[in-house]
Amino acid sequence: MLSADDAATCSTFLDDLPDELAGLESAEVSPADAPARAWGDGLVVTCGVEEPPAFRELIAPSCDEIVGIGWFFPPQQLGREDGPVTGTTIGYRPRVELEVPEGYRGGTSFAVLSALAAPIEEHLDLVQRCR
């Protein structure tokens, strides 16, 4: 459950995201009141998520800095070329999760991560840099 402050931050962040993202048109999210936005066929940005379980399970978790934003991607998802991948901002609060369907991996996912950088920096609080 989001705190009132996090809910307000997430609302402002999500409202600032474009209707078209990396060439993908905006889509409906379910439920409609979820703190999320969607584009294309299954690409979803959710604000206010918990730390990913896979991050906690690693002895020495790391993150990948993409356009200045630290993202955690579960190693088992990155270790294969097919299937969806889920990235989570690690150093920002509230956290943001990006669900990328298999068909959007590669160039589209990088374009999305790049487009999310400025709104993340503008609206969310940096609490720790990627290490």
Foldseek 3Di string as FASTA:
>chain_A
DDDPVQLVLLVVLQVPADCAALNWGWDADPPNPFSWTDTDDDKIKHWQDDDDPLQVPDPDFFFDQQLQFTKGWRPVVVVDLFAKTKIWGDQWPPIMIIIGGRVCPDPNVSRRVNSSVVSRVVRIDGRDGTD
